[in-house]
């Protein structure tokens, strides 16, 4: 303190400025900000803390190093040529969505490092994809069965990544490109199958229409038979007499000849 008192004003200002500068450096090493969507992994002379730091302002040991690791969803777009069950080479496009488990970040840093995507994720993806596609025909990668293939990739890749501290979110098999000759053959086969299904529908519809007409014809035949059986000579004569009586009461000019028609029924002449 006595030495400080002996300094002049300018020297004292320099001392204050130097102390302030050192304080700023100390604070910059002590207070850090972990960005949103990240965690901090503390390393102190090679010793990694098992507890990660959440996002926000954190006070740390100024001698410690903080490694910031993203826990946001990441995407790997992979283009690969893979074998099918028949031994054909198929080009596929797929996307893998994954993220780092925040609780596993310190262990991932210790055992794999910051570049865990290149070290672990990519090789696992390629191994699983080739293994799964080899279990399916090329047609499965080209048709609606593609979703089934993607689900199987997901089910095999998920545990392999989770045991390394990485969460798998989705496997998307976007497209598959087959050899031109095979693509044409599959398209023709699918077209033939669709035409066969359409013809089956047409034949079924025609069969139903034929059955409808048969039932209708039988109904008409049954009606005619019943009607014919019910029209006896006596009933016909009775209906003729009733008709004659109705004509007699009519005001229209006419001539009725009784007993001249067949079976003695009247004949009507001059009906207006």
Protein backbone atom coordinates (compact mmCIF):
# COMPACT_ATOMS: atom_id res chain seq x y z
CA UNK A 1 0.00 0.00 0.00
CA UNK A 2 2.88 2.36 0.84
CA UNK A 3 4.39 1.65 -2.58
CA UNK A 4 1.05 2.45 -4.22
CA UNK A 5 0.87 5.74 -2.33
CA UNK A 6 4.24 6.73 -3.73
CA UNK A 7 2.94 6.46 -7.33
CA UNK A 8 1.82 9.55 -9.13
CA UNK A 9 -1.66 9.96 -10.59
CA UNK A 10 -0.76 8.66 -14.03
CA UNK A 11 0.88 5.57 -12.63
CA UNK A 12 -2.09 4.89 -10.39
CA UNK A 13 -4.40 5.08 -13.42
CA UNK A 14 -2.26 2.54 -15.22
CA UNK A 15 -2.43 0.22 -12.22
CA UNK A 16 -6.23 0.52 -12.11
CA UNK A 17 -6.50 -0.12 -15.84
CA UNK A 18 -4.27 -3.18 -15.57
CA UNK A 19 -6.26 -4.53 -12.63
CA UNK A 20 -9.50 -3.97 -14.51
CA UNK A 21 -8.14 -5.73 -17.55
CA UNK A 22 -7.06 -8.73 -15.46
CA UNK A 23 -10.48 -8.79 -13.81
CA UNK A 24 -12.18 -8.89 -17.21
CA UNK A 25 -10.00 -11.78 -18.28
CA UNK A 26 -10.80 -13.60 -15.05
CA UNK A 27 -14.54 -13.05 -15.48
CA UNK A 28 -14.42 -14.15 -19.13
CA UNK A 29 -12.89 -17.41 -17.98
CA UNK A 30 -15.27 -17.81 -15.07
CA UNK A 31 -18.61 -16.89 -16.63
CA UNK A 32 -19.65 -18.60 -19.85
CA UNK A 33 -22.86 -18.87 -21.86
CA UNK A 34 -24.08 -22.26 -23.11
CA UNK A 35 -26.22 -21.56 -26.22
CA UNK A 36 -29.74 -22.90 -26.59
CA UNK A 37 -29.79 -26.43 -28.04
CA UNK A 38 -26.37 -27.24 -26.56
CA UNK A 39 -24.81 -28.68 -23.43
CA UNK A 40 -21.38 -28.00 -21.95
CA UNK A 41 -18.88 -30.71 -21.05
CA UNK A 42 -16.34 -29.67 -18.40
CA UNK A 43 -12.75 -30.84 -18.74
CA UNK A 44 -10.17 -30.00 -16.06
CA UNK A 45 -6.66 -31.09 -16.96
CA UNK A 46 -7.92 -34.19 -18.73
CA UNK A 47 -10.57 -35.05 -16.12
CA UNK A 48 -14.09 -34.94 -17.62
CA UNK A 49 -17.00 -34.13 -15.31
CA UNK A 50 -19.83 -36.66 -15.64
CA UNK A 51 -22.43 -33.91 -15.21
CA UNK A 52 -23.05 -31.78 -18.32
CA UNK A 53 -23.96 -28.08 -18.18
CA UNK A 54 -27.39 -27.05 -19.43
CA UNK A 55 -27.98 -24.03 -21.66
CA UNK A 56 -27.72 -20.60 -20.01
CA UNK A 57 -25.18 -18.52 -18.06
CA UNK A 58 -22.82 -20.67 -15.98
CA UNK A 59 -20.01 -19.92 -13.51
CA UNK A 60 -17.09 -22.30 -13.84
CA UNK A 61 -13.53 -22.84 -12.74
CA UNK A 62 -11.47 -20.46 -14.92
CA UNK A 63 -8.87 -23.20 -15.44
CA UNK A 64 -11.44 -25.66 -16.84
CA UNK A 65 -12.22 -26.11 -20.53
CA UNK A 66 -15.86 -26.21 -21.62
CA UNK A 67 -16.71 -28.16 -24.76
CA UNK A 68 -20.08 -27.15 -26.21
CA UNK A 69 -21.98 -30.01 -27.90
CA UNK A 70 -25.24 -29.68 -29.80
CA UNK A 71 -28.27 -31.72 -28.73
CA UNK A 72 -30.42 -30.50 -31.64
CA UNK A 73 -31.77 -32.84 -34.28
CA UNK A 74 -29.17 -33.51 -36.95
CA UNK A 75 -29.63 -34.99 -40.40
CA UNK A 76 -27.40 -37.19 -42.49
CA UNK A 77 -28.35 -37.45 -46.16
CA UNK A 78 -26.84 -40.65 -47.48
CA UNK A 79 -26.56 -41.83 -51.07
CA UNK A 80 -25.41 -45.40 -51.35
CA UNK A 81 -25.27 -48.29 -53.77
CA UNK A 82 -26.42 -51.39 -51.93
CA UNK A 83 -27.03 -55.06 -52.84
CA UNK A 84 -30.48 -56.63 -53.04
CA UNK A 85 -31.35 -60.26 -52.23
CA UNK A 86 -30.95 -61.17 -55.92
CA UNK A 87 -27.46 -59.67 -55.92
CA UNK A 88 -28.44 -56.58 -57.92
CA UNK A 89 -26.92 -53.18 -57.18
CA UNK A 90 -29.53 -50.60 -56.19
CA UNK A 91 -28.87 -46.90 -55.64
CA UNK A 92 -30.82 -45.47 -52.70
CA UNK A 93 -31.25 -42.05 -51.11
CA UNK A 94 -32.02 -41.95 -47.41
CA UNK A 95 -32.05 -39.47 -44.55
CA UNK A 96 -31.21 -40.25 -40.94
CA UNK A 97 -32.49 -37.95 -38.17
CA UNK A 98 -30.71 -38.22 -34.82
CA UNK A 99 -29.59 -36.21 -31.80
CA UNK A 100 -27.10 -36.43 -28.94
CA UNK A 101 -28.52 -37.55 -25.59
CA UNK A 102 -27.73 -34.66 -23.18
CA UNK A 103 -27.06 -37.04 -20.28
CA UNK A 104 -24.60 -39.04 -22.36
CA UNK A 105 -22.67 -36.05 -23.69
CA UNK A 106 -19.73 -36.35 -21.19
CA UNK A 107 -19.34 -40.07 -21.93
CA UNK A 108 -19.56 -39.48 -25.69
CA UNK A 109 -16.82 -36.83 -25.37
CA UNK A 110 -14.61 -39.19 -23.34
CA UNK A 111 -15.07 -42.34 -25.42
CA UNK A 112 -15.62 -40.99 -28.94
CA UNK A 113 -14.85 -37.27 -29.07
CA UNK A 114 -16.53 -34.27 -30.62
CA UNK A 115 -16.54 -35.82 -34.10
CA UNK A 116 -18.82 -38.68 -33.06
CA UNK A 117 -20.88 -38.40 -36.27
CA UNK A 118 -17.96 -39.39 -38.48
CA UNK A 119 -16.58 -41.91 -36.01
CA UNK A 120 -19.76 -43.76 -35.03
CA UNK A 121 -22.95 -42.65 -36.77
CA UNK A 122 -21.89 -42.86 -40.40
CA UNK A 123 -20.26 -46.34 -40.18
CA UNK A 124 -23.25 -47.74 -38.28
CA UNK A 125 -25.67 -46.38 -40.89
CA UNK A 126 -23.76 -47.89 -43.79
CA UNK A 127 -23.44 -51.27 -42.11
CA UNK A 128 -27.12 -51.55 -41.18
CA UNK A 129 -28.39 -50.26 -44.53
CA UNK A 130 -26.37 -52.76 -46.53
CA UNK A 131 -27.39 -55.59 -44.21
CA UNK A 132 -31.11 -54.82 -44.42
CA UNK A 133 -31.31 -54.29 -48.19
CA UNK A 134 -29.57 -57.64 -48.74
CA UNK A 135 -32.64 -59.30 -47.13
CA UNK A 136 -35.11 -57.87 -49.67
CA UNK A 137 -35.70 -58.15 -53.39
CA UNK A 138 -35.01 -55.07 -55.48
CA UNK A 139 -38.76 -54.74 -56.09
CA UNK A 140 -39.32 -54.08 -52.37
CA UNK A 141 -37.08 -51.01 -52.56
CA UNK A 142 -38.99 -49.76 -55.59
CA UNK A 143 -42.58 -50.26 -54.41
CA UNK A 144 -44.71 -49.55 -51.33
CA UNK A 145 -42.69 -52.10 -49.34
CA UNK A 146 -40.03 -49.41 -49.08
CA UNK A 147 -41.62 -48.24 -45.80
CA UNK A 148 -41.20 -51.74 -44.36
CA UNK A 149 -37.52 -51.69 -45.30
CA UNK A 150 -37.07 -48.26 -43.66
CA UNK A 151 -38.75 -49.48 -40.46
CA UNK A 152 -36.42 -52.47 -40.29
CA UNK A 153 -33.40 -50.18 -40.74
CA UNK A 154 -34.70 -48.05 -37.88
CA UNK A 155 -35.25 -51.03 -35.55
CA UNK A 156 -31.69 -52.31 -36.12
CA UNK A 157 -29.92 -48.95 -36.06
CA UNK A 158 -31.69 -47.55 -32.97
CA UNK A 159 -30.13 -49.84 -30.30
CA UNK A 160 -26.70 -49.68 -31.94
CA UNK A 161 -26.65 -45.88 -31.64
CA UNK A 162 -28.38 -45.61 -28.26
CA UNK A 163 -25.69 -47.68 -26.55
CA UNK A 164 -23.21 -45.02 -27.71
CA UNK A 165 -25.32 -42.14 -26.34
CA UNK A 166 -27.01 -41.12 -29.59
CA UNK A 167 -30.79 -41.03 -30.04
CA UNK A 168 -32.20 -42.15 -33.39
CA UNK A 169 -35.36 -40.29 -34.42
CA UNK A 170 -36.25 -41.36 -37.96
CA UNK A 171 -35.02 -43.28 -40.98
CA UNK A 172 -36.43 -42.00 -44.28
CA UNK A 173 -35.85 -44.03 -47.43
CA UNK A 174 -36.54 -41.31 -49.99
CA UNK A 175 -35.85 -43.02 -53.30
CA UNK A 176 -34.43 -46.11 -54.95
CA UNK A 177 -32.98 -46.29 -58.45
CA UNK A 178 -32.76 -49.68 -60.09
CA UNK A 179 -30.93 -50.68 -63.27
CA UNK A 180 -32.91 -49.47 -66.30
CA UNK A 181 -33.74 -52.98 -67.58
CA UNK A 182 -35.02 -54.09 -64.18
CA UNK A 183 -37.07 -50.90 -63.68
CA UNK A 184 -38.80 -51.45 -67.03
CA UNK A 185 -39.50 -55.10 -66.21
CA UNK A 186 -40.98 -54.24 -62.79
CA UNK A 187 -43.13 -51.49 -64.26
CA UNK A 188 -44.50 -53.87 -66.91
CA UNK A 189 -45.21 -56.51 -64.29
CA UNK A 190 -47.03 -54.01 -62.07
CA UNK A 191 -49.03 -52.81 -65.07
CA UNK A 192 -49.99 -56.41 -65.95
CA UNK A 193 -51.07 -57.03 -62.34
CA UNK A 194 -53.24 -53.91 -62.39
CA UNK A 195 -54.84 -54.96 -65.69
CA UNK A 196 -55.53 -58.45 -64.26
CA UNK A 197 -57.22 -56.90 -61.22
CA UNK A 198 -59.30 -54.65 -63.47
CA UNK A 199 -60.36 -57.62 -65.64
CA UNK A 200 -61.32 -59.55 -62.52
CA UNK A 201 -63.54 -56.65 -61.48
CA UNK A 202 -65.15 -56.47 -64.95
CA UNK A 203 -65.87 -60.21 -64.97
CA UNK A 204 -67.35 -60.00 -61.50
CA UNK A 205 -69.57 -57.10 -62.55
CA UNK A 206 -70.73 -58.91 -65.70
CA UNK A 207 -71.49 -62.02 -63.67
CA UNK A 208 -73.62 -59.98 -61.29
CA UNK A 209 -75.48 -58.40 -64.23
CA UNK A 210 -76.12 -61.83 -65.79
CA UNK A 211 -77.48 -63.10 -62.48
CA UNK A 212 -79.75 -60.04 -62.22
CA UNK A 213 -81.15 -60.66 -65.72
CA UNK A 214 -81.69 -64.35 -64.97
CA UNK A 215 -83.65 -63.51 -61.82
CA UNK A 216 -85.65 -60.87 -63.72
CA UNK A 217 -86.50 -63.33 -66.54
CA UNK A 218 -87.56 -65.98 -64.06
CA UNK A 219 -89.79 -63.45 -62.32
CA UNK A 220 -91.49 -62.53 -65.61
CA UNK A 221 -91.91 -66.19 -66.51
CA UNK A 222 -93.44 -66.99 -63.12
CA UNK A 223 -95.81 -64.03 -63.43
CA UNK A 224 -97.01 -65.08 -66.91
CA UNK A 225 -97.56 -68.63 -65.76
CA UNK A 226 -99.58 -67.56 -62.72
CA UNK A 227 -101.59 -65.06 -64.77
CA UNK A 228 -102.28 -67.67 -67.47
CA UNK A 229 -103.45 -70.21 -64.91
CA UNK A 230 -105.82 -67.67 -63.36
CA UNK A 231 -107.58 -66.60 -66.64
CA UNK A 232 -110.19 -69.36 -67.07
CA UNK A 233 -113.03 -69.17 -69.67
CA UNK A 234 -115.56 -68.33 -66.97
CA UNK A 235 -113.49 -65.41 -65.69
CA UNK A 236 -112.98 -64.10 -69.24
CA UNK A 237 -116.75 -64.21 -69.92
CA UNK A 238 -117.45 -62.46 -66.63
CA UNK A 239 -114.98 -59.71 -67.46
CA UNK A 240 -116.65 -59.38 -70.94
CA UNK A 241 -120.11 -58.95 -69.40
CA UNK A 242 -118.77 -56.34 -66.96
CA UNK A 243 -117.18 -54.45 -69.85
CA UNK A 244 -120.44 -54.58 -71.86
CA UNK A 245 -122.40 -53.17 -68.95
CA UNK A 246 -119.91 -50.34 -68.60
CA UNK A 247 -120.22 -49.53 -72.32
CA UNK A 248 -124.00 -49.47 -72.16
CA UNK A 249 -123.86 -46.79 -69.51
CA UNK A 250 -121.36 -44.77 -71.56
CA UNK A 251 -122.71 -41.72 -73.51
CA UNK A 252 -120.47 -42.34 -76.54
CA UNK A 253 -122.32 -43.43 -79.76
CA UNK A 254 -121.78 -47.12 -80.47
CA UNK A 255 -123.38 -50.29 -81.80
CA UNK A 256 -123.14 -53.41 -79.63
CA UNK A 257 -123.76 -56.77 -81.22
CA UNK A 258 -124.60 -59.30 -78.52
CA UNK A 259 -123.50 -62.88 -78.97
CA UNK A 260 -121.58 -62.34 -82.23
CA UNK A 261 -118.09 -62.44 -80.82
CA UNK A 262 -116.01 -65.47 -80.01
CA UNK A 263 -117.47 -67.46 -77.12
CA UNK A 264 -120.59 -65.28 -77.28
CA UNK A 265 -118.91 -62.07 -76.08
CA UNK A 266 -120.23 -58.76 -77.50
CA UNK A 267 -118.70 -56.96 -80.48
CA UNK A 268 -118.57 -53.16 -80.32
CA UNK A 269 -119.01 -51.17 -83.53
CA UNK A 270 -118.80 -47.44 -84.20
CA UNK A 271 -116.97 -46.59 -80.99
CA UNK A 272 -116.07 -42.88 -81.00
